[in-house]
N, C-alpha and C. Protein backbone atom coordinates (compact mmCIF):
# COMPACT_ATOMS: atom_id res chain seq x y z
N UNK A 1 11.67 2.71 10.50
CA UNK A 1 12.52 3.67 9.86
C UNK A 1 11.81 5.05 10.06
N UNK A 2 12.49 6.08 10.69
CA UNK A 2 11.80 7.42 10.97
C UNK A 2 12.62 8.42 10.41
N UNK A 3 11.86 9.23 9.49
CA UNK A 3 12.64 10.40 8.67
C UNK A 3 12.03 11.72 8.93
N UNK A 4 12.93 12.87 9.02
CA UNK A 4 12.36 14.09 9.67
C UNK A 4 13.20 15.24 8.72
N UNK A 5 12.48 15.99 7.92
CA UNK A 5 13.12 17.19 7.05
C UNK A 5 12.46 18.19 7.39
N UNK A 6 13.22 19.21 7.83
CA UNK A 6 12.46 20.52 8.15
C UNK A 6 12.29 21.43 6.79
N UNK A 7 11.20 21.91 6.51
CA UNK A 7 11.16 23.03 5.41
C UNK A 7 10.31 24.14 6.05
N UNK A 8 11.17 25.15 6.05
CA UNK A 8 10.66 26.36 6.73
C UNK A 8 10.04 25.62 8.44
N UNK A 9 8.84 26.08 8.38
CA UNK A 9 8.45 25.66 9.51
C UNK A 9 7.65 24.64 9.40
N UNK A 10 7.40 23.84 8.33
CA UNK A 10 6.66 22.69 8.20
C UNK A 10 7.62 21.37 8.42
N UNK A 11 7.41 20.47 9.32
CA UNK A 11 8.00 19.27 9.52
C UNK A 11 7.81 18.49 8.75
N UNK A 12 8.25 17.17 7.79
CA UNK A 12 7.83 16.01 7.21
C UNK A 12 8.35 15.15 7.90
N UNK A 13 7.42 14.11 8.06
CA UNK A 13 7.60 12.99 8.74
C UNK A 13 7.42 11.47 7.74
N UNK A 14 8.10 10.58 7.44
CA UNK A 14 7.69 9.15 7.08
C UNK A 14 7.93 8.16 8.08
N UNK A 15 6.87 7.37 8.16
CA UNK A 15 7.19 6.35 9.09
C UNK A 15 6.72 5.18 8.31
N UNK A 16 7.56 3.73 8.75
CA UNK A 16 7.51 2.75 8.21
C UNK A 16 7.16 1.61 9.33
N UNK A 17 6.08 0.72 9.07
CA UNK A 17 6.48 -0.33 9.88
C UNK A 17 7.11 -1.51 9.27
N UNK A 18 7.95 -2.54 9.85
CA UNK A 18 8.50 -3.45 8.86
C UNK A 18 7.46 -4.25 7.95
N UNK A 19 8.02 -4.64 7.01
CA UNK A 19 7.13 -5.08 5.59
C UNK A 19 6.77 -6.44 6.46
N UNK A 20 5.29 -7.08 6.09
CA UNK A 20 4.89 -8.39 6.74
C UNK A 20 4.55 -9.03 5.77
N UNK A 21 5.13 -10.39 5.64
CA UNK A 21 5.16 -11.45 4.77
C UNK A 21 4.25 -12.44 5.38
N UNK A 22 3.63 -13.16 4.77
CA UNK A 22 2.97 -14.41 5.13
C UNK A 22 3.82 -15.56 4.70
N UNK A 23 3.57 -16.83 5.35
CA UNK A 23 4.35 -17.72 5.09
C UNK A 23 3.55 -18.53 3.93
N UNK A 24 4.55 -18.62 3.05
CA UNK A 24 3.40 -19.33 1.37
C UNK A 24 2.71 -20.74 2.52
N UNK A 25 1.19 -20.61 1.50
CA UNK A 25 0.06 -21.75 2.21
C UNK A 25 -0.05 -22.32 0.77
N UNK A 26 0.43 -23.53 0.27
CA UNK A 26 0.21 -23.89 -0.82
C UNK A 26 -1.35 -24.13 -1.02
N UNK A 27 -2.02 -23.50 -2.16
CA UNK A 27 -3.55 -23.77 -2.02
C UNK A 27 -4.51 -23.09 -1.41
N UNK A 28 -3.90 -22.39 -0.23
CA UNK A 28 -4.83 -21.57 0.39
C UNK A 28 -5.75 -20.52 -0.44
N UNK A 29 -6.82 -20.19 0.18
CA UNK A 29 -7.73 -19.33 -0.31
C UNK A 29 -8.52 -18.80 0.72
N UNK A 30 -8.99 -17.63 0.28
CA UNK A 30 -10.16 -16.92 1.23
C UNK A 30 -11.56 -17.53 0.97
N UNK A 31 -12.28 -17.24 1.56
CA UNK A 31 -13.59 -17.97 1.72
C UNK A 31 -14.28 -17.76 0.66
N UNK A 32 -14.08 -16.44 -0.25
CA UNK A 32 -14.88 -16.29 -1.28
C UNK A 32 -14.28 -16.80 -2.68
N UNK A 33 -14.57 -17.82 -3.08
CA UNK A 33 -13.58 -18.25 -4.20
C UNK A 33 -13.64 -17.69 -5.69
N UNK A 34 -14.47 -16.78 -5.87
CA UNK A 34 -14.66 -15.98 -7.19
C UNK A 34 -13.35 -15.32 -7.50
N UNK A 35 -13.09 -15.19 -8.86
CA UNK A 35 -11.77 -14.36 -9.12
C UNK A 35 -12.11 -13.32 -9.72
N UNK A 36 -11.74 -11.89 -9.31
CA UNK A 36 -11.94 -10.58 -10.18
C UNK A 36 -10.49 -9.90 -10.47
N UNK A 37 -10.33 -10.08 -11.69
CA UNK A 37 -8.81 -9.49 -12.01
C UNK A 37 -8.78 -8.49 -12.95
N UNK A 38 -9.96 -7.70 -12.70
CA UNK A 38 -10.22 -6.27 -13.48
C UNK A 38 -9.28 -5.28 -13.23
N UNK A 39 -8.64 -4.55 -13.71
CA UNK A 39 -8.12 -2.98 -13.49
C UNK A 39 -8.57 -2.47 -12.56
N UNK A 40 -8.28 -1.79 -11.84
CA UNK A 40 -9.07 -0.79 -10.92
C UNK A 40 -9.49 0.39 -11.56
N UNK A 41 -10.79 0.59 -11.71
CA UNK A 41 -11.01 1.98 -12.11
C UNK A 41 -10.80 3.34 -11.17
N UNK A 42 -10.15 4.07 -11.67
CA UNK A 42 -9.79 5.24 -10.99
C UNK A 42 -10.76 6.24 -10.48
N UNK A 43 -11.69 6.16 -9.27
CA UNK A 43 -12.58 6.94 -9.05
C UNK A 43 -11.89 8.53 -8.72
N UNK A 44 -12.58 9.74 -8.78
CA UNK A 44 -12.09 10.78 -8.08
C UNK A 44 -12.22 10.61 -6.69
N UNK A 45 -11.41 10.70 -6.01
CA UNK A 45 -11.35 10.80 -4.48
C UNK A 45 -10.30 11.74 -4.19
N UNK A 46 -10.88 12.91 -2.86
CA UNK A 46 -9.92 13.48 -2.60
C UNK A 46 -9.86 14.09 -1.03
N UNK A 47 -8.89 14.37 -0.63
CA UNK A 47 -9.01 14.63 0.85
C UNK A 47 -8.16 16.01 0.98
N UNK A 48 -9.06 17.06 1.52
CA UNK A 48 -8.42 18.46 1.52
C UNK A 48 -7.56 18.41 2.74
N UNK A 49 -6.55 19.39 2.59
CA UNK A 49 -5.56 18.97 3.98
C UNK A 49 -5.44 20.66 3.89
N UNK A 50 -5.16 21.04 5.34
CA UNK A 50 -4.84 22.59 5.56
C UNK A 50 -4.46 23.33 4.03
N UNK A 51 -3.44 23.32 3.54
CA UNK A 51 -3.27 23.80 2.39
C UNK A 51 -3.00 23.40 1.06
N UNK A 52 -3.31 21.57 1.38
CA UNK A 52 -2.75 20.93 0.24
C UNK A 52 -4.15 19.64 0.12
N UNK A 53 -4.28 19.63 -1.25
CA UNK A 53 -5.31 18.73 -1.62
C UNK A 53 -4.73 17.34 -2.10
N UNK A 54 -5.05 16.12 -1.54
CA UNK A 54 -4.48 14.90 -1.96
C UNK A 54 -5.62 14.30 -2.89
N UNK A 55 -5.24 13.81 -4.15
CA UNK A 55 -6.14 13.05 -4.88
C UNK A 55 -5.75 11.48 -4.45
N UNK A 56 -6.45 10.94 -3.36
CA UNK A 56 -5.90 9.74 -3.01
C UNK A 56 -5.77 8.68 -3.85
N UNK A 57 -6.90 8.49 -5.04
CA UNK A 57 -6.69 7.50 -5.91
C UNK A 57 -5.36 7.87 -6.94
N UNK A 58 -5.02 9.12 -7.20
CA UNK A 58 -4.04 9.80 -8.00
C UNK A 58 -2.77 8.80 -7.53
N UNK A 59 -2.31 9.14 -6.02
CA UNK A 59 -1.43 8.52 -4.98
C UNK A 59 -1.52 7.27 -5.15
N UNK A 60 -2.62 6.50 -5.26
CA UNK A 60 -2.73 5.02 -5.38
C UNK A 60 -2.07 4.40 -6.55
N UNK A 61 -2.48 5.24 -7.77
CA UNK A 61 -1.86 5.02 -9.03
C UNK A 61 -0.38 5.26 -8.96
N UNK A 62 0.15 6.25 -8.71
CA UNK A 62 1.52 6.65 -8.43
C UNK A 62 2.31 5.58 -7.83
N UNK A 63 1.87 5.33 -6.73
CA UNK A 63 2.57 4.27 -6.03
C UNK A 63 2.62 2.81 -6.75
N UNK A 64 1.59 2.37 -7.53
CA UNK A 64 1.31 1.22 -8.32
C UNK A 64 2.52 1.38 -9.39
N UNK A 65 2.63 2.51 -10.01
CA UNK A 65 3.28 3.11 -11.24
C UNK A 65 4.92 2.80 -10.66
N UNK A 66 5.27 3.19 -9.60
CA UNK A 66 6.42 3.55 -9.22
C UNK A 66 7.12 2.14 -8.70
N UNK A 67 6.12 1.13 -8.18
CA UNK A 67 6.62 -0.17 -7.85
C UNK A 67 6.67 -0.88 -9.04
N UNK A 68 5.94 -1.00 -10.12
CA UNK A 68 6.02 -1.51 -11.44
C UNK A 68 7.26 -1.25 -12.02
N UNK A 69 7.43 -0.01 -12.09
CA UNK A 69 8.91 0.46 -12.82
C UNK A 69 10.06 0.19 -11.94
N UNK A 70 10.19 -0.12 -10.98
CA UNK A 70 11.38 -0.48 -9.82
C UNK A 70 11.56 -2.15 -10.25
N UNK A 71 10.27 -2.75 -10.13
CA UNK A 71 10.39 -3.96 -10.28
C UNK A 71 11.08 -4.40 -11.71
N UNK A 72 10.46 -3.64 -12.68
CA UNK A 72 10.95 -4.02 -14.12
C UNK A 72 12.56 -3.84 -14.26
N UNK A 73 12.97 -2.41 -13.55
CA UNK A 73 14.48 -2.18 -13.67
C UNK A 73 15.20 -3.15 -12.94
N UNK A 74 14.82 -4.22 -12.27
CA UNK A 74 15.41 -5.39 -11.35
C UNK A 74 15.19 -6.70 -12.28
N UNK A 75 14.19 -6.38 -13.54
CA UNK A 75 14.07 -7.55 -14.34
C UNK A 75 13.13 -8.61 -13.57
N UNK A 76 12.28 -7.76 -12.81
CA UNK A 76 11.08 -8.65 -12.28
C UNK A 76 9.81 -8.29 -12.90
N UNK A 77 8.78 -9.36 -12.79
CA UNK A 77 7.65 -9.07 -13.82
C UNK A 77 6.90 -7.88 -13.33
N UNK A 78 5.96 -7.32 -13.93
CA UNK A 78 5.19 -6.31 -13.36
C UNK A 78 4.07 -7.04 -12.82
N UNK A 79 3.44 -6.40 -11.72
CA UNK A 79 2.25 -6.55 -10.74
C UNK A 79 0.84 -6.38 -11.75
N UNK A 80 -0.36 -6.93 -11.68
CA UNK A 80 -1.29 -6.60 -11.98
C UNK A 80 -1.94 -6.05 -10.88
N UNK A 81 -2.72 -4.98 -11.09
CA UNK A 81 -3.56 -4.31 -10.01
C UNK A 81 -4.83 -4.90 -10.12
N UNK A 82 -5.46 -5.20 -8.70
CA UNK A 82 -6.58 -5.84 -8.90
C UNK A 82 -7.57 -5.00 -7.72
N UNK A 83 -8.96 -5.01 -8.19
CA UNK A 83 -9.62 -3.84 -7.43
C UNK A 83 -10.03 -4.65 -6.03
N UNK A 84 -10.04 -5.88 -5.79
CA UNK A 84 -10.30 -6.42 -4.74
C UNK A 84 -9.59 -6.30 -3.78
N UNK A 85 -8.09 -6.34 -4.18
CA UNK A 85 -6.99 -6.03 -3.42
C UNK A 85 -6.76 -4.67 -2.92
N UNK A 86 -7.04 -3.75 -4.02
CA UNK A 86 -7.14 -2.39 -3.43
C UNK A 86 -7.92 -2.18 -2.57
N UNK A 87 -9.37 -2.63 -2.56
CA UNK A 87 -10.29 -2.09 -1.50
C UNK A 87 -9.63 -2.65 -0.59
N UNK A 88 -9.27 -3.76 -0.01
CA UNK A 88 -8.77 -4.28 1.16
C UNK A 88 -7.78 -3.25 1.85
N UNK A 89 -6.65 -3.01 0.95
CA UNK A 89 -5.70 -2.02 1.18
C UNK A 89 -6.07 -0.74 1.58
N UNK A 90 -7.24 -0.12 0.66
CA UNK A 90 -7.93 1.04 1.11
C UNK A 90 -8.63 1.36 2.22
N UNK A 91 -9.26 0.16 2.72
CA UNK A 91 -10.06 0.17 4.17
C UNK A 91 -9.05 0.35 5.00
N UNK A 92 -8.05 -0.67 4.99
CA UNK A 92 -7.30 -0.40 6.18
C UNK A 92 -6.22 1.11 6.11
N UNK A 93 -5.91 1.85 5.04
CA UNK A 93 -5.27 3.13 5.17
C UNK A 93 -6.63 4.17 5.63
N UNK A 94 -7.53 3.85 5.39
CA UNK A 94 -8.96 4.55 5.82
C UNK A 94 -8.81 4.54 7.45
N UNK A 95 -9.03 3.34 7.88
CA UNK A 95 -9.03 3.02 9.40
C UNK A 95 -7.97 3.53 9.96
N UNK A 96 -6.71 3.40 9.31
CA UNK A 96 -5.46 4.14 10.16
C UNK A 96 -5.89 5.60 10.29
N UNK A 97 -6.13 6.21 9.12
CA UNK A 97 -6.28 7.65 8.85
C UNK A 97 -7.46 8.16 9.90
N UNK A 98 -8.47 7.35 10.00
CA UNK A 98 -9.48 7.99 11.02
C UNK A 98 -9.01 7.63 12.57
N UNK A 99 -7.92 6.71 12.59
CA UNK A 99 -7.78 6.27 14.31
C UNK A 99 -8.35 5.17 14.62
N UNK A 100 -9.17 4.47 13.60
CA UNK A 100 -9.89 3.21 13.86
C UNK A 100 -8.85 2.28 14.52
N UNK A 101 -7.65 1.68 13.71
CA UNK A 101 -6.83 0.89 14.12
C UNK A 101 -5.24 1.83 14.33
N UNK A 102 -4.47 0.97 15.06
CA UNK A 102 -3.23 1.55 15.17
C UNK A 102 -2.51 1.64 13.67
N UNK A 103 -1.47 2.56 13.39
CA UNK A 103 -0.83 2.29 12.28
C UNK A 103 0.25 1.00 12.48
N UNK A 104 -0.06 0.17 11.79
CA UNK A 104 0.32 -1.26 11.94
C UNK A 104 -0.26 -2.37 10.82
N UNK A 105 0.11 -3.13 11.12
CA UNK A 105 -0.44 -4.75 9.89
C UNK A 105 -1.57 -5.40 10.85
N UNK A 106 -1.95 -4.76 11.63
CA UNK A 106 -2.77 -5.56 12.69
C UNK A 106 -4.16 -5.64 11.63
N UNK A 107 -4.55 -6.94 11.77
CA UNK A 107 -5.53 -7.21 10.72
C UNK A 107 -5.24 -7.82 9.38
N UNK A 108 -3.89 -7.96 9.21
CA UNK A 108 -3.22 -8.30 7.56
C UNK A 108 -4.02 -9.69 7.26
N UNK A 109 -4.06 -10.55 8.20
CA UNK A 109 -4.84 -11.85 7.81
C UNK A 109 -6.22 -11.69 7.27
N UNK A 110 -7.00 -10.88 8.02
CA UNK A 110 -8.37 -10.71 7.75
C UNK A 110 -8.46 -9.87 6.72
N UNK A 111 -7.77 -9.04 6.12
CA UNK A 111 -7.56 -8.63 5.04
C UNK A 111 -7.66 -9.42 3.65
N UNK A 112 -6.28 -10.20 3.63
CA UNK A 112 -6.08 -11.22 2.74
C UNK A 112 -6.97 -12.09 2.31
N UNK A 113 -7.55 -12.76 3.65
CA UNK A 113 -9.01 -13.70 3.50
C UNK A 113 -10.00 -13.09 2.73
N UNK A 114 -10.24 -11.89 3.04
CA UNK A 114 -11.40 -11.23 2.21
C UNK A 114 -11.23 -10.87 0.95
N UNK A 115 -9.96 -11.25 0.16
CA UNK A 115 -9.53 -11.31 -0.96
C UNK A 115 -10.09 -12.28 -1.81
N UNK A 116 -11.06 -12.31 -2.86
CA UNK A 116 -11.70 -13.62 -3.32
C UNK A 116 -10.74 -14.26 -4.36
N UNK A 117 -9.48 -14.48 -3.95
CA UNK A 117 -8.46 -15.17 -5.04
C UNK A 117 -7.84 -16.25 -4.13
N UNK A 118 -7.60 -17.05 -4.81
CA UNK A 118 -7.01 -18.60 -4.50
C UNK A 118 -5.28 -17.99 -4.43
N UNK A 119 -4.74 -18.17 -3.07
CA UNK A 119 -3.34 -17.49 -3.41
C UNK A 119 -2.34 -18.29 -2.53
N UNK A 120 -1.02 -18.21 -2.83
CA UNK A 120 -0.14 -19.25 -2.11
C UNK A 120 0.65 -18.15 -1.22
N UNK A 121 0.78 -16.99 -1.27
CA UNK A 121 1.74 -16.15 -0.21
C UNK A 121 1.00 -14.61 -0.48
N UNK A 122 1.24 -14.20 0.65
CA UNK A 122 0.80 -12.62 0.58
C UNK A 122 2.00 -11.81 1.57
N UNK A 123 1.79 -10.58 1.39
CA UNK A 123 2.84 -9.61 2.09
C UNK A 123 1.92 -8.17 1.91
N UNK A 124 2.40 -7.42 2.95
CA UNK A 124 1.73 -6.15 3.01
C UNK A 124 3.12 -5.23 3.44
N UNK A 125 2.95 -3.81 2.59
CA UNK A 125 3.68 -2.65 3.30
C UNK A 125 2.77 -1.84 3.74
N UNK A 126 3.48 -0.98 4.77
CA UNK A 126 2.54 0.23 5.01
C UNK A 126 3.51 1.54 5.53
N UNK A 127 2.86 2.71 5.13
CA UNK A 127 3.77 3.86 5.52
C UNK A 127 2.67 4.82 6.18
N UNK A 128 3.47 5.77 6.89
CA UNK A 128 2.68 7.06 7.14
C UNK A 128 3.64 8.03 6.72
N UNK A 129 2.89 9.53 6.32
CA UNK A 129 3.85 10.52 6.38
C UNK A 129 2.87 11.50 6.37
N UNK A 130 3.97 12.95 6.52
CA UNK A 130 3.26 14.15 6.53
C UNK A 130 4.13 15.12 6.32
N UNK A 131 3.73 16.01 5.61
CA UNK A 131 4.41 17.35 5.04
C UNK A 131 5.10 17.24 3.97
N UNK A 132 4.76 15.98 3.15
CA UNK A 132 5.47 15.97 1.87
C UNK A 132 4.45 16.36 0.81
N UNK A 133 5.05 16.75 -0.27
CA UNK A 133 4.10 17.37 -1.25
C UNK A 133 3.78 16.02 -2.01
N UNK A 134 4.55 15.01 -2.12
CA UNK A 134 4.37 13.88 -3.00
C UNK A 134 4.35 12.63 -1.93
N UNK A 135 3.58 12.35 -1.12
CA UNK A 135 3.80 11.26 0.00
C UNK A 135 3.88 9.80 -1.05
N UNK A 136 3.33 9.57 -1.93
CA UNK A 136 3.69 8.32 -2.79
C UNK A 136 5.03 8.53 -3.05
N UNK A 137 5.78 9.07 -3.31
CA UNK A 137 7.03 8.79 -3.92
C UNK A 137 8.01 8.75 -2.14
N UNK A 138 7.63 9.37 -1.46
CA UNK A 138 8.36 9.44 0.10
C UNK A 138 7.78 7.98 0.36
N UNK A 139 6.76 7.24 0.20
CA UNK A 139 6.72 5.90 0.65
C UNK A 139 7.40 4.78 0.09
N UNK A 140 7.32 5.04 -1.23
CA UNK A 140 8.24 4.19 -2.15
C UNK A 140 9.83 4.41 -2.12
N UNK A 141 10.15 5.32 -1.72
CA UNK A 141 11.46 5.74 -1.47
C UNK A 141 11.90 5.04 0.17
N UNK A 142 10.95 4.94 1.00
CA UNK A 142 11.10 4.42 2.43
C UNK A 142 11.28 3.08 2.06
N UNK A 143 10.19 2.52 1.28
CA UNK A 143 10.29 0.75 1.37
C UNK A 143 11.34 0.49 0.51
N UNK A 144 11.74 1.03 -0.62
CA UNK A 144 13.05 0.50 -1.31
C UNK A 144 14.14 0.88 -0.45
N UNK A 145 14.34 1.90 0.47
CA UNK A 145 15.43 1.69 1.74
C UNK A 145 15.48 0.92 2.80
N UNK A 146 14.31 0.03 2.98
CA UNK A 146 14.03 -0.96 4.00
C UNK A 146 14.14 -2.42 3.51
N UNK A 147 15.24 -3.25 4.10
CA UNK A 147 15.30 -4.54 3.74
C UNK A 147 13.94 -5.47 3.83
N UNK A 148 13.21 -5.13 4.80
CA UNK A 148 12.09 -6.06 4.83
C UNK A 148 10.82 -5.38 3.99
N UNK A 149 10.94 -4.42 3.64
CA UNK A 149 9.96 -3.82 2.52
C UNK A 149 10.00 -4.07 1.42
N UNK A 150 11.42 -4.01 0.80
CA UNK A 150 12.19 -4.18 -0.18
C UNK A 150 11.94 -5.77 -0.72
N UNK A 151 12.28 -6.89 0.25
CA UNK A 151 11.83 -8.05 0.27
C UNK A 151 10.46 -8.21 -0.66
N UNK A 152 9.33 -7.69 0.39
CA UNK A 152 8.19 -7.42 -0.35
C UNK A 152 7.94 -7.34 -1.72
N UNK A 153 8.60 -5.89 -2.04
CA UNK A 153 8.67 -5.29 -3.07
C UNK A 153 8.91 -6.18 -4.41
N UNK A 154 10.23 -7.08 -4.12
CA UNK A 154 10.83 -7.75 -4.77
C UNK A 154 10.04 -9.27 -5.04
N UNK A 155 9.29 -9.52 -4.05
CA UNK A 155 8.99 -11.08 -4.01
C UNK A 155 8.18 -11.58 -5.20
N UNK A 156 7.97 -12.67 -5.28
CA UNK A 156 7.39 -13.39 -6.05
C UNK A 156 5.76 -13.13 -6.06
N UNK A 157 5.35 -12.17 -6.23
CA UNK A 157 3.78 -11.65 -6.35
C UNK A 157 3.50 -11.56 -7.75
N UNK A 158 2.25 -11.73 -8.06
CA UNK A 158 1.62 -11.19 -9.36
C UNK A 158 0.55 -10.39 -9.34
N UNK A 159 -0.26 -9.99 -8.22
CA UNK A 159 -1.23 -8.87 -7.91
C UNK A 159 -1.04 -8.32 -7.02
N UNK A 160 -1.29 -6.96 -6.83
CA UNK A 160 -1.30 -6.01 -5.98
C UNK A 160 -2.33 -5.07 -5.85
N UNK A 161 -2.62 -4.34 -4.55
CA UNK A 161 -3.62 -3.37 -4.43
C UNK A 161 -2.92 -2.37 -3.64
N UNK A 162 -2.97 -1.31 -3.89
CA UNK A 162 -2.73 0.08 -3.33
C UNK A 162 -3.94 1.00 -2.89
N UNK A 163 -3.92 1.17 -1.45
CA UNK A 163 -4.79 2.05 -0.75
C UNK A 163 -4.04 3.42 0.04
N UNK A 164 -4.79 4.35 -0.29
CA UNK A 164 -4.16 5.48 0.19
C UNK A 164 -5.24 6.37 1.18
N UNK A 165 -4.98 6.74 2.07
CA UNK A 165 -6.20 7.71 2.91
C UNK A 165 -5.31 8.67 3.65
N UNK A 166 -5.70 9.99 3.61
CA UNK A 166 -5.36 11.34 4.36
C UNK A 166 -6.50 11.64 5.29
N UNK A 167 -5.90 12.52 6.34
CA UNK A 167 -6.70 12.81 7.32
C UNK A 167 -6.84 14.45 7.27
N UNK A 168 -7.51 15.28 8.32
CA UNK A 168 -7.52 16.70 8.09
C UNK A 168 -6.25 17.57 8.64
N UNK A 169 -5.46 16.16 9.42
CA UNK A 169 -4.41 16.59 9.97
C UNK A 169 -2.99 16.70 9.32
N UNK A 170 -3.51 16.26 7.85
CA UNK A 170 -2.17 16.20 6.90
C UNK A 170 -1.54 14.98 6.79
N UNK A 171 -2.13 13.71 7.56
CA UNK A 171 -1.17 12.31 7.66
C UNK A 171 -2.01 11.64 6.72
N UNK A 172 -0.96 11.08 5.81
CA UNK A 172 -1.31 10.47 4.97
C UNK A 172 -0.70 8.69 5.16
N UNK A 173 -1.63 7.94 5.04
CA UNK A 173 -1.45 6.54 5.08
C UNK A 173 -1.35 5.75 3.90
N UNK A 174 -0.61 4.90 4.00
CA UNK A 174 -0.55 4.17 2.47
C UNK A 174 -0.25 2.79 3.03
N UNK A 175 -0.97 1.69 2.08
CA UNK A 175 -0.75 0.19 2.37
C UNK A 175 -1.10 -0.12 0.78
N UNK A 176 0.14 -1.11 0.65
CA UNK A 176 0.47 -2.00 -0.58
C UNK A 176 0.28 -3.53 -0.38
N UNK A 177 -0.84 -4.20 -0.64
CA UNK A 177 -0.97 -5.69 -0.54
C UNK A 177 -0.40 -6.32 -1.71
N UNK A 178 0.54 -7.19 -1.45
CA UNK A 178 1.05 -8.12 -2.30
C UNK A 178 0.22 -9.72 -2.27
N UNK A 179 0.08 -10.34 -3.63
CA UNK A 179 -0.57 -11.31 -3.41
C UNK A 179 0.02 -12.18 -4.78
N UNK A 180 0.44 -13.70 -4.27
CA UNK A 180 0.72 -14.64 -5.57
C UNK A 180 -0.43 -15.49 -5.58
N UNK A 181 -1.22 -15.13 -6.54
CA UNK A 181 -2.37 -15.84 -6.71
C UNK A 181 -2.26 -17.07 -7.92
N UNK A 182 -2.97 -17.80 -7.67
CA UNK A 182 -2.82 -18.94 -9.10
C UNK A 182 -3.56 -18.51 -10.21
C-alpha cells in the first residue's frame, strides 16, 4: 500500500509490506529456552530529523497502546509487551533505517528464533513512512486498512514487541512482531 499526501512542500509517504505470518508450529521454540515476560522499560532514545525530533521509544509505546486499544474494541485480549521481542523488532527497524537490510520481512525467521520463548506461531508487520508528525498513528492506520496486516493484528497472539527507528533523511521504520507463546 502506498499513500501520499502533500502538506505545503512536504511530501508524506506511508509504505507497508504485506503482513507476514508463520505457519503454526506446535511446541516450536527458539534455541534459548529461558522466558522473560517482563514489561519493556522505556529508555529515552530519540533521533533528530531536519525539523522534527522523534522519540522512538515513545513511538513504540504509542503503537503498542493503539494496537491494544484496537484489539480491545474488537473483543480480543490485549497483548503483553515483551522486552526480548521488542529488542528483535527494534534491531530490524534500525537495520532498515541504516540501509543494512531492505524494507522487508527479510530475516523474520531468524528474529523470531532469537526470542527466548516457546511459541506456536508468530507474525510481523512492518511500515515505513516519512513526513508525518505522528508516524506511529499513520502506521497503525495503514495496518488496520490492510487485510494481511489486519489479520496479524487480530491474530491469536499473546505477546508482542515494537521497534521504531528513524534516520537523518526523516524516514521512520516500524516493526511489530506478534508471538503466541505457551
